[in-house]
C-alpha atoms as a PDB file:
ATOM      1  CA  MET A   1     -17.285   2.212  11.525  1.00  0.00           C
ATOM      2  CA  THR A   2     -16.156  -1.333  12.146  1.00  0.00           C
ATOM      3  CA  PHE A   3     -13.716  -2.980   9.752  1.00  0.00           C
ATOM      4  CA  THR A   4     -11.004  -5.597   9.668  1.00  0.00           C
ATOM      5  CA  VAL A   5      -7.629  -5.585   7.972  1.00  0.00           C
ATOM      6  CA  ARG A   6      -6.243  -8.828   6.608  1.00  0.00           C
ATOM      7  CA  ARG A   7      -3.907 -10.221   3.999  1.00  0.00           C
ATOM      8  CA  VAL A   8      -5.331 -11.089   0.584  1.00  0.00           C
ATOM      9  CA  GLN A   9      -5.712 -14.702  -0.469  1.00  0.00           C
ATOM     10  CA  ALA A  10      -4.488 -15.977  -3.839  1.00  0.00           C
ATOM     11  CA  GLY A  11      -7.995 -16.888  -5.005  1.00  0.00           C
ATOM     12  CA  GLU A  12      -9.220 -13.331  -4.433  1.00  0.00           C
ATOM     13  CA  TRP A  13      -7.585 -11.997  -7.585  1.00  0.00           C
ATOM     14  CA  GLY A  14     -10.891 -10.634  -8.923  1.00  0.00           C
ATOM     15  CA  ARG A  15     -11.412  -8.536  -5.803  1.00  0.00           C
ATOM     16  CA  VAL A  16      -7.750  -7.440  -5.909  1.00  0.00           C
ATOM     17  CA  ARG A  17      -8.324  -6.275  -9.497  1.00  0.00           C
ATOM     18  CA  ASP A  18     -11.611  -4.527  -8.691  1.00  0.00           C
ATOM     19  CA  LEU A  19     -10.135  -2.607  -5.750  1.00  0.00           C
ATOM     20  CA  ARG A  20      -7.110  -1.563  -7.794  1.00  0.00           C
ATOM     21  CA  LEU A  21      -9.336  -0.301 -10.593  1.00  0.00           C
ATOM     22  CA  ARG A  22     -11.462   1.565  -8.052  1.00  0.00           C
ATOM     23  CA  SER A  23      -8.345   3.218  -6.620  1.00  0.00           C
ATOM     24  CA  LEU A  24      -7.210   4.302 -10.076  1.00  0.00           C
ATOM     25  CA  ARG A  25     -10.517   6.131 -10.591  1.00  0.00           C
ATOM     26  CA  ASP A  26      -9.861   8.278  -7.513  1.00  0.00           C
ATOM     27  CA  PRO A  27      -9.415  11.982  -8.376  1.00  0.00           C
ATOM     28  CA  VAL A  28      -5.858  12.027  -6.956  1.00  0.00           C
ATOM     29  CA  ALA A  29      -4.819   8.753  -8.603  1.00  0.00           C
ATOM     30  CA  ALA A  30      -2.603  10.573 -11.104  1.00  0.00           C
ATOM     31  CA  LEU A  31      -0.588  11.879  -8.151  1.00  0.00           C
ATOM     32  CA  ALA A  32      -0.719   8.745  -6.044  1.00  0.00           C
ATOM     33  CA  PHE A  33      -0.101   5.933  -8.523  1.00  0.00           C
ATOM     34  CA  LEU A  34       2.248   5.268 -11.413  1.00  0.00           C
ATOM     35  CA  ASP A  35      -0.494   3.318 -13.201  1.00  0.00           C
ATOM     36  CA  THR A  36      -3.672   4.374 -14.966  1.00  0.00           C
ATOM     37  CA  PHE A  37      -7.163   2.921 -15.005  1.00  0.00           C
ATOM     38  CA  GLU A  38      -6.837   2.337 -18.754  1.00  0.00           C
ATOM     39  CA  SER A  39      -3.597   0.408 -18.421  1.00  0.00           C
ATOM     40  CA  ALA A  40      -4.693  -1.674 -15.433  1.00  0.00           C
ATOM     41  CA  SER A  41      -8.105  -2.517 -16.872  1.00  0.00           C
ATOM     42  CA  ALA A  42      -6.436  -3.863 -20.021  1.00  0.00           C
ATOM     43  CA  GLN A  43      -4.460  -6.463 -18.031  1.00  0.00           C
ATOM     44  CA  PRO A  44      -5.539 -10.101 -18.559  1.00  0.00           C
ATOM     45  CA  ASP A  45      -6.867 -12.267 -15.732  1.00  0.00           C
ATOM     46  CA  ALA A  46      -3.505 -14.074 -15.572  1.00  0.00           C
ATOM     47  CA  PHE A  47      -1.845 -10.809 -14.518  1.00  0.00           C
ATOM     48  CA  TRP A  48      -4.281 -10.387 -11.608  1.00  0.00           C
ATOM     49  CA  ARG A  49      -3.991 -14.039 -10.579  1.00  0.00           C
ATOM     50  CA  HIS A  50      -0.206 -13.689 -10.423  1.00  0.00           C
ATOM     51  CA  ARG A  51      -0.432 -10.384  -8.547  1.00  0.00           C
ATOM     52  CA  ALA A  52      -2.750 -11.826  -5.886  1.00  0.00           C
ATOM     53  CA  ALA A  53      -0.639 -14.987  -5.512  1.00  0.00           C
ATOM     54  CA  GLN A  54       2.509 -12.906  -5.007  1.00  0.00           C
ATOM     55  CA  ALA A  55       0.832 -10.872  -2.252  1.00  0.00           C
ATOM     56  CA  ALA A  56      -0.923 -13.744  -0.447  1.00  0.00           C
ATOM     57  CA  GLN A  57       0.422 -15.924   2.357  1.00  0.00           C
ATOM     58  CA  GLY A  58       3.636 -17.584   1.191  1.00  0.00           C
ATOM     59  CA  GLY A  59       4.265 -14.986  -1.520  1.00  0.00           C
ATOM     60  CA  PRO A  60       7.228 -12.596  -1.519  1.00  0.00           C
ATOM     61  CA  ASN A  61       5.024  -9.528  -0.937  1.00  0.00           C
ATOM     62  CA  GLY A  62       2.144  -8.720   1.358  1.00  0.00           C
ATOM     63  CA  GLN A  63      -1.048  -6.996   0.307  1.00  0.00           C
ATOM     64  CA  PHE A  64      -3.445  -6.048   3.064  1.00  0.00           C
ATOM     65  CA  VAL A  65      -7.047  -4.985   2.595  1.00  0.00           C
ATOM     66  CA  ALA A  66      -9.510  -3.112   4.765  1.00  0.00           C
ATOM     67  CA  VAL A  67     -12.877  -4.863   4.755  1.00  0.00           C
ATOM     68  CA  ALA A  68     -16.110  -3.324   6.056  1.00  0.00           C
ATOM     69  CA  GLU A  69     -18.653  -5.291   8.087  1.00  0.00           C
ATOM     70  CA  ASP A  70     -20.735  -5.811   4.947  1.00  0.00           C
ATOM     71  CA  GLY A  71     -17.747  -7.372   3.131  1.00  0.00           C
ATOM     72  CA  GLU A  72     -16.870  -4.323   1.008  1.00  0.00           C
ATOM     73  CA  TRP A  73     -13.157  -3.964   0.311  1.00  0.00           C
ATOM     74  CA  PHE A  74     -12.425  -0.262   0.693  1.00  0.00           C
ATOM     75  CA  GLY A  75      -8.703   0.034   1.359  1.00  0.00           C
ATOM     76  CA  SER A  76      -5.399  -1.557   0.513  1.00  0.00           C
ATOM     77  CA  ALA A  77      -1.637  -1.327   1.019  1.00  0.00           C
ATOM     78  CA  THR A  78       1.121  -3.536  -0.354  1.00  0.00           C
ATOM     79  CA  VAL A  79       4.588  -4.050   1.104  1.00  0.00           C
ATOM     80  CA  ILE A  80       7.595  -5.540  -0.670  1.00  0.00           C
ATOM     81  CA  GLY A  81      11.252  -5.999   0.149  1.00  0.00           C
ATOM     82  CA  ASP A  82      13.107  -2.983  -1.251  1.00  0.00           C
ATOM     83  CA  ARG A  83      15.431  -4.028  -4.047  1.00  0.00           C
ATOM     84  CA  ASP A  84      17.741  -1.079  -3.377  1.00  0.00           C
ATOM     85  CA  ALA A  85      18.046  -1.275   0.411  1.00  0.00           C
ATOM     86  CA  ALA A  86      18.215  -4.671   2.124  1.00  0.00           C
ATOM     87  CA  ALA A  87      17.034  -3.290   5.478  1.00  0.00           C
ATOM     88  CA  SER A  88      13.992  -1.550   3.989  1.00  0.00           C
ATOM     89  CA  ALA A  89      10.545  -2.732   3.032  1.00  0.00           C
ATOM     90  CA  LEU A  90       8.752  -0.575   0.487  1.00  0.00           C
ATOM     91  CA  VAL A  91       5.065   0.335   0.874  1.00  0.00           C
ATOM     92  CA  VAL A  92       3.159   0.920  -2.360  1.00  0.00           C
ATOM     93  CA  GLY A  93      -0.420   1.180  -3.564  1.00  0.00           C
ATOM     94  CA  VAL A  94      -1.889   2.740  -0.422  1.00  0.00           C
ATOM     95  CA  TYR A  95      -5.567   3.513  -0.893  1.00  0.00           C
ATOM     96  CA  VAL A  96      -8.608   4.164   1.271  1.00  0.00           C
ATOM     97  CA  ALA A  97     -11.866   4.955  -0.507  1.00  0.00           C
ATOM     98  CA  GLU A  98     -13.644   8.226   0.098  1.00  0.00           C
ATOM     99  CA  GLY A  99     -16.335   7.759   2.692  1.00  0.00           C
ATOM    100  CA  HIS A 100     -14.038   5.517   4.715  1.00  0.00           C
ATOM    101  CA  ARG A 101     -11.221   7.998   5.286  1.00  0.00           C
ATOM    102  CA  GLY A 102     -10.572   9.263   8.784  1.00  0.00           C
ATOM    103  CA  ALA A 103     -11.774   6.069  10.482  1.00  0.00           C
ATOM    104  CA  GLY A 104      -8.339   4.556  11.148  1.00  0.00           C
ATOM    105  CA  ALA A 105      -8.058   2.344   8.071  1.00  0.00           C
ATOM    106  CA  VAL A 106      -4.799   3.814   6.767  1.00  0.00           C
ATOM    107  CA  GLU A 107      -3.240   3.413  10.212  1.00  0.00           C
ATOM    108  CA  ALA A 108      -4.385  -0.219  10.425  1.00  0.00           C
ATOM    109  CA  LEU A 109      -3.175  -0.999   6.896  1.00  0.00           C
ATOM    110  CA  LEU A 110       0.258   0.517   7.522  1.00  0.00           C
ATOM    111  CA  ASP A 111       0.522  -1.261  10.887  1.00  0.00           C
ATOM    112  CA  GLU A 112      -0.050  -4.581   9.081  1.00  0.00           C
ATOM    113  CA  CYS A 113       2.648  -3.642   6.568  1.00  0.00           C
ATOM    114  CA  ALA A 114       4.965  -2.850   9.493  1.00  0.00           C
ATOM    115  CA  ALA A 115       4.211  -6.191  11.154  1.00  0.00           C
ATOM    116  CA  TRP A 116       4.912  -8.055   7.887  1.00  0.00           C
ATOM    117  CA  ALA A 117       8.194  -6.172   7.438  1.00  0.00           C
ATOM    118  CA  THR A 118       9.276  -6.685  11.042  1.00  0.00           C
ATOM    119  CA  GLU A 119       8.617 -10.426  10.808  1.00  0.00           C
ATOM    120  CA  GLY A 120      10.730 -10.446   7.650  1.00  0.00           C
ATOM    121  CA  GLY A 121      13.683  -8.863   9.461  1.00  0.00           C
ATOM    122  CA  PHE A 122      13.372  -5.395   7.920  1.00  0.00           C
ATOM    123  CA  THR A 123      14.252  -2.425  10.119  1.00  0.00           C
ATOM    124  CA  GLU A 124      12.334   0.297   8.313  1.00  0.00           C
ATOM    125  CA  LEU A 125       9.388   0.961   6.061  1.00  0.00           C
ATOM    126  CA  ILE A 126       9.833   3.427   3.255  1.00  0.00           C
ATOM    127  CA  LEU A 127       7.389   4.944   0.810  1.00  0.00           C
ATOM    128  CA  GLU A 128       7.243   7.731  -1.707  1.00  0.00           C
ATOM    129  CA  VAL A 129       4.508  10.358  -1.812  1.00  0.00           C
ATOM    130  CA  HIS A 130       3.940  13.044  -4.438  1.00  0.00           C
ATOM    131  CA  VAL A 131       4.990  16.508  -3.270  1.00  0.00           C
ATOM    132  CA  ASP A 132       1.491  17.815  -4.102  1.00  0.00           C
ATOM    133  CA  ASN A 133      -0.411  15.014  -2.303  1.00  0.00           C
ATOM    134  CA  HIS A 134      -0.747  16.816   1.017  1.00  0.00           C
ATOM    135  CA  ARG A 135      -3.577  14.606   2.295  1.00  0.00           C
ATOM    136  CA  ALA A 136      -1.425  11.476   1.953  1.00  0.00           C
ATOM    137  CA  GLN A 137       1.611  13.202   3.464  1.00  0.00           C
ATOM    138  CA  ALA A 138      -0.403  14.116   6.559  1.00  0.00           C
ATOM    139  CA  ALA A 139      -1.736  10.561   6.874  1.00  0.00           C
ATOM    140  CA  TYR A 140       1.751   9.077   6.629  1.00  0.00           C
ATOM    141  CA  GLU A 141       3.077  11.498   9.235  1.00  0.00           C
ATOM    142  CA  ARG A 142       0.255  10.433  11.604  1.00  0.00           C
ATOM    143  CA  CYS A 143       1.439   6.852  11.049  1.00  0.00           C
ATOM    144  CA  GLY A 144       5.008   7.566  12.127  1.00  0.00           C
ATOM    145  CA  PHE A 145       6.642   8.332   8.783  1.00  0.00           C
ATOM    146  CA  THR A 146       9.061  11.239   8.423  1.00  0.00           C
ATOM    147  CA  ARG A 147      10.686  12.721   5.347  1.00  0.00           C
ATOM    148  CA  THR A 148      14.213  11.499   4.744  1.00  0.00           C
ATOM    149  CA  GLY A 149      15.227  14.604   2.815  1.00  0.00           C
ATOM    150  CA  GLU A 150      15.448  12.594  -0.403  1.00  0.00           C
ATOM    151  CA  ILE A 151      13.251  13.575  -3.339  1.00  0.00           C
ATOM    152  CA  THR A 152      12.800  11.236  -6.278  1.00  0.00           C
ATOM    153  CA  GLU A 153      11.860  12.262  -9.787  1.00  0.00           C
ATOM    154  CA  LEU A 154       9.264   9.984 -11.343  1.00  0.00           C
ATOM    155  CA  GLU A 155       7.161  10.193 -14.472  1.00  0.00           C
ATOM    156  CA  ASN A 156       4.339  11.820 -12.480  1.00  0.00           C
ATOM    157  CA  GLY A 157       6.614  14.432 -10.865  1.00  0.00           C
ATOM    158  CA  GLN A 158       8.628  14.738  -7.678  1.00  0.00           C
ATOM    159  CA  GLU A 159       8.001  12.555  -4.642  1.00  0.00           C
ATOM    160  CA  TYR A 160       9.215  12.789  -1.082  1.00  0.00           C
ATOM    161  CA  VAL A 161      10.789   9.658   0.353  1.00  0.00           C
ATOM    162  CA  MET A 162       9.401   8.965   3.830  1.00  0.00           C
ATOM    163  CA  MET A 163      10.592   6.419   6.396  1.00  0.00           C
ATOM    164  CA  ARG A 164       9.172   4.719   9.486  1.00  0.00           C
ATOM    165  CA  PRO A 165      11.612   2.864  11.736  1.00  0.00           C
ATOM    166  CA  LEU A 166      10.609  -0.603  12.883  1.00  0.00           C
ATOM    167  CA  VAL A 167      11.339  -2.302  16.172  1.00  0.00           C
ATOM    168  CA  PRO A 168      13.084  -5.619  15.447  1.00  0.00           C
ATOM    169  CA  VAL A 169      11.493  -8.818  16.689  1.00  0.00           C
ATOM    170  CA  ALA A 170      13.598 -10.555  19.350  1.00  0.00           C
ATOM    171  CA  ARG A 171      14.468 -14.040  18.091  1.00  0.00           C
END
């Protein structure tokens, strides 16, 4: 399968919304996301416009999408500066649609997040993954993430904190 990974553009808020809603319908969404389809689908267009603008070029975050040859958006990952650790960038909202898994999309998405973070001067990527989401844990390990030993307690249960070191860009 051929696909590309790229950063979202501010005007693509409708596609950002549609992919997010699709991800929240996934059978493991309750484990993977702290949002629900019902809550997200009730958000006004202004919410989605703001979200896309924040994640597009020039925004404080980066959202990357996997796009199939036919133009279908089937995967996404967002990276933000971690508010709690200045050296860390936090990866959230990782999703690859069934039927596209196992083709390298999650690796490509996380590599784009790593490139964004490295360019921003961050030295590590961190993420949290539900202790029962074994599929995601295995994918993250393939992408260079290791458990830190920290476990967070969230409203959907316990999550492992995982980290991937980044190689700083020589300036």
